[in-house]
Protein backbone atom coordinates (compact mmCIF):
# COMPACT_ATOMS: atom_id res chain seq x y z
CA UNK A 1 -16.06 26.09 14.22
CA UNK A 2 -14.39 22.72 13.80
CA UNK A 3 -11.02 22.15 15.40
CA UNK A 4 -8.21 20.19 13.84
CA UNK A 5 -5.71 17.73 15.23
CA UNK A 6 -2.29 17.14 13.70
CA UNK A 7 -1.73 13.69 12.25
CA UNK A 8 0.86 11.96 10.12
CA UNK A 9 -0.18 10.61 6.75
CA UNK A 10 1.55 8.59 4.08
CA UNK A 11 3.62 10.63 1.59
CA UNK A 12 1.92 8.92 -1.36
CA UNK A 13 -1.54 9.82 -0.03
CA UNK A 14 -0.51 13.44 0.46
CA UNK A 15 1.00 13.60 -3.04
CA UNK A 16 -2.25 12.24 -4.50
CA UNK A 17 -4.25 14.79 -2.54
CA UNK A 18 -2.04 17.60 -3.89
CA UNK A 19 -2.83 16.46 -7.44
CA UNK A 20 -6.53 15.67 -7.04
CA UNK A 21 -7.46 18.44 -4.58
CA UNK A 22 -7.10 21.38 -6.99
CA UNK A 23 -9.14 19.52 -9.61
CA UNK A 24 -11.96 19.37 -7.06
CA UNK A 25 -11.40 22.96 -5.82
CA UNK A 26 -9.93 21.67 -2.55
CA UNK A 27 -6.60 22.01 -0.82
CA UNK A 28 -4.62 18.84 -0.13
CA UNK A 29 -5.84 18.90 3.48
CA UNK A 30 -9.45 19.36 2.39
CA UNK A 31 -9.10 16.48 -0.09
CA UNK A 32 -7.75 14.15 2.59
CA UNK A 33 -10.60 15.17 4.91
CA UNK A 34 -13.04 14.47 2.08
CA UNK A 35 -11.57 11.00 1.50
CA UNK A 36 -11.67 10.28 5.25
CA UNK A 37 -15.35 11.19 5.39
CA UNK A 38 -16.08 8.94 2.42
CA UNK A 39 -14.26 6.10 4.14
CA UNK A 40 -16.21 6.70 7.34
CA UNK A 41 -19.51 6.59 5.44
CA UNK A 42 -18.53 3.44 3.55
CA UNK A 43 -17.70 1.68 6.81
CA UNK A 44 -21.02 2.79 8.31
CA UNK A 45 -23.09 1.94 5.22
CA UNK A 46 -25.66 -0.84 5.52
CA UNK A 47 -24.84 -1.97 1.98
CA UNK A 48 -21.30 -2.87 3.03
CA UNK A 49 -20.74 -5.75 5.39
CA UNK A 50 -17.61 -5.24 7.47
CA UNK A 51 -17.94 -8.84 8.60
CA UNK A 52 -17.89 -10.13 5.00
CA UNK A 53 -14.88 -7.94 4.23
CA UNK A 54 -13.05 -9.21 7.32
CA UNK A 55 -13.82 -12.80 6.31
CA UNK A 56 -12.36 -12.25 2.82
CA UNK A 57 -9.25 -10.62 4.29
CA UNK A 58 -8.88 -13.60 6.64
CA UNK A 59 -9.23 -16.06 3.74
CA UNK A 60 -12.53 -17.43 5.06
CA UNK A 61 -14.80 -16.15 2.29
CA UNK A 62 -14.53 -15.77 -1.49
CA UNK A 63 -13.75 -12.31 -2.86
CA UNK A 64 -16.23 -12.86 -5.70
CA UNK A 65 -19.05 -13.23 -3.15
CA UNK A 66 -18.72 -9.54 -2.22
CA UNK A 67 -20.55 -6.60 -3.75
CA UNK A 68 -18.62 -4.17 -5.95
CA UNK A 69 -18.36 -1.70 -3.05
CA UNK A 70 -17.09 -4.38 -0.67
CA UNK A 71 -14.56 -5.55 -3.25
CA UNK A 72 -13.26 -1.96 -3.53
CA UNK A 73 -12.72 -1.86 0.23
CA UNK A 74 -10.89 -5.21 0.12
CA UNK A 75 -8.64 -4.07 -2.75
CA UNK A 76 -7.74 -0.88 -0.84
CA UNK A 77 -6.83 -2.97 2.20
CA UNK A 78 -4.74 -5.33 0.07
CA UNK A 79 -2.82 -2.38 -1.39
CA UNK A 80 -2.06 -1.08 2.12
CA UNK A 81 -0.92 -4.49 3.30
CA UNK A 82 1.29 -5.04 0.25
CA UNK A 83 2.91 -1.62 0.63
CA UNK A 84 3.55 -2.21 4.34
CA UNK A 85 5.24 -5.54 3.63
CA UNK A 86 7.26 -4.11 0.74
CA UNK A 87 8.50 -1.25 2.91
CA UNK A 88 10.21 -3.64 5.35
CA UNK A 89 11.41 -6.16 2.76
CA UNK A 90 15.20 -6.40 2.41
CA UNK A 91 15.93 -9.41 0.23
CA UNK A 92 19.60 -8.49 -0.25
CA UNK A 93 20.17 -8.76 3.48
CA UNK A 94 18.08 -11.91 3.76
CA UNK A 95 19.89 -13.66 0.90
CA UNK A 96 23.28 -12.58 2.23
CA UNK A 97 22.45 -13.98 5.67
CA UNK A 98 21.36 -17.25 4.06
CA UNK A 99 24.48 -17.44 1.89
CA UNK A 100 22.47 -17.29 -1.33
CA UNK A 101 23.60 -15.67 -4.56
CA UNK A 102 21.17 -13.33 -6.30
CA UNK A 103 20.87 -10.91 -9.19
CA UNK A 104 19.55 -7.37 -9.27
CA UNK A 105 19.54 -4.31 -11.53
CA UNK A 106 21.96 -1.49 -10.88
CA UNK A 107 21.03 2.19 -11.28
CA UNK A 108 21.79 1.99 -15.01
CA UNK A 109 19.55 -1.04 -15.56
CA UNK A 110 22.37 -3.58 -15.92
CA UNK A 111 22.02 -7.03 -14.37
CA UNK A 112 24.44 -7.54 -11.47
CA UNK A 113 25.13 -10.95 -9.96
CA UNK A 114 25.90 -10.94 -6.21
CA UNK A 115 27.87 -14.00 -5.12
CA UNK A 116 27.00 -15.86 -1.96
CA UNK A 117 29.59 -15.60 0.79
CA UNK A 118 31.83 -13.32 -1.27
CA UNK A 119 32.32 -9.59 -1.23
CA UNK A 120 32.17 -9.29 -5.03
CA UNK A 121 29.69 -8.94 -7.84
CA UNK A 122 29.72 -9.30 -11.62
CA UNK A 123 27.85 -7.20 -14.15
CA UNK A 124 26.18 -9.53 -16.64
């Protein structure tokens, strides 16, 4: 019998597994395990060059030179990288520290102008 080890996973991945799993007659945990096995097989596949993928991700090779499967792996990696950068991005703090004014939407969708160096804002 296989043993399991606890691990933390992204909330979005778990939510997707909760939706897709029942459609495939799997629990969320079984769906995540299934996806992990697919990923393992893709990485081990002879038809997918990890070196070519790494070169594209490093900007040393053209994306269009990859096979469809390799392009799918690159797109998945790009999504992860974008999400990781977005999660730590705080432009309001950065602009405030630089003394720059900026605009943003409030919770009701109205445009709000934040003034540089001032503790005030205007709704536009």
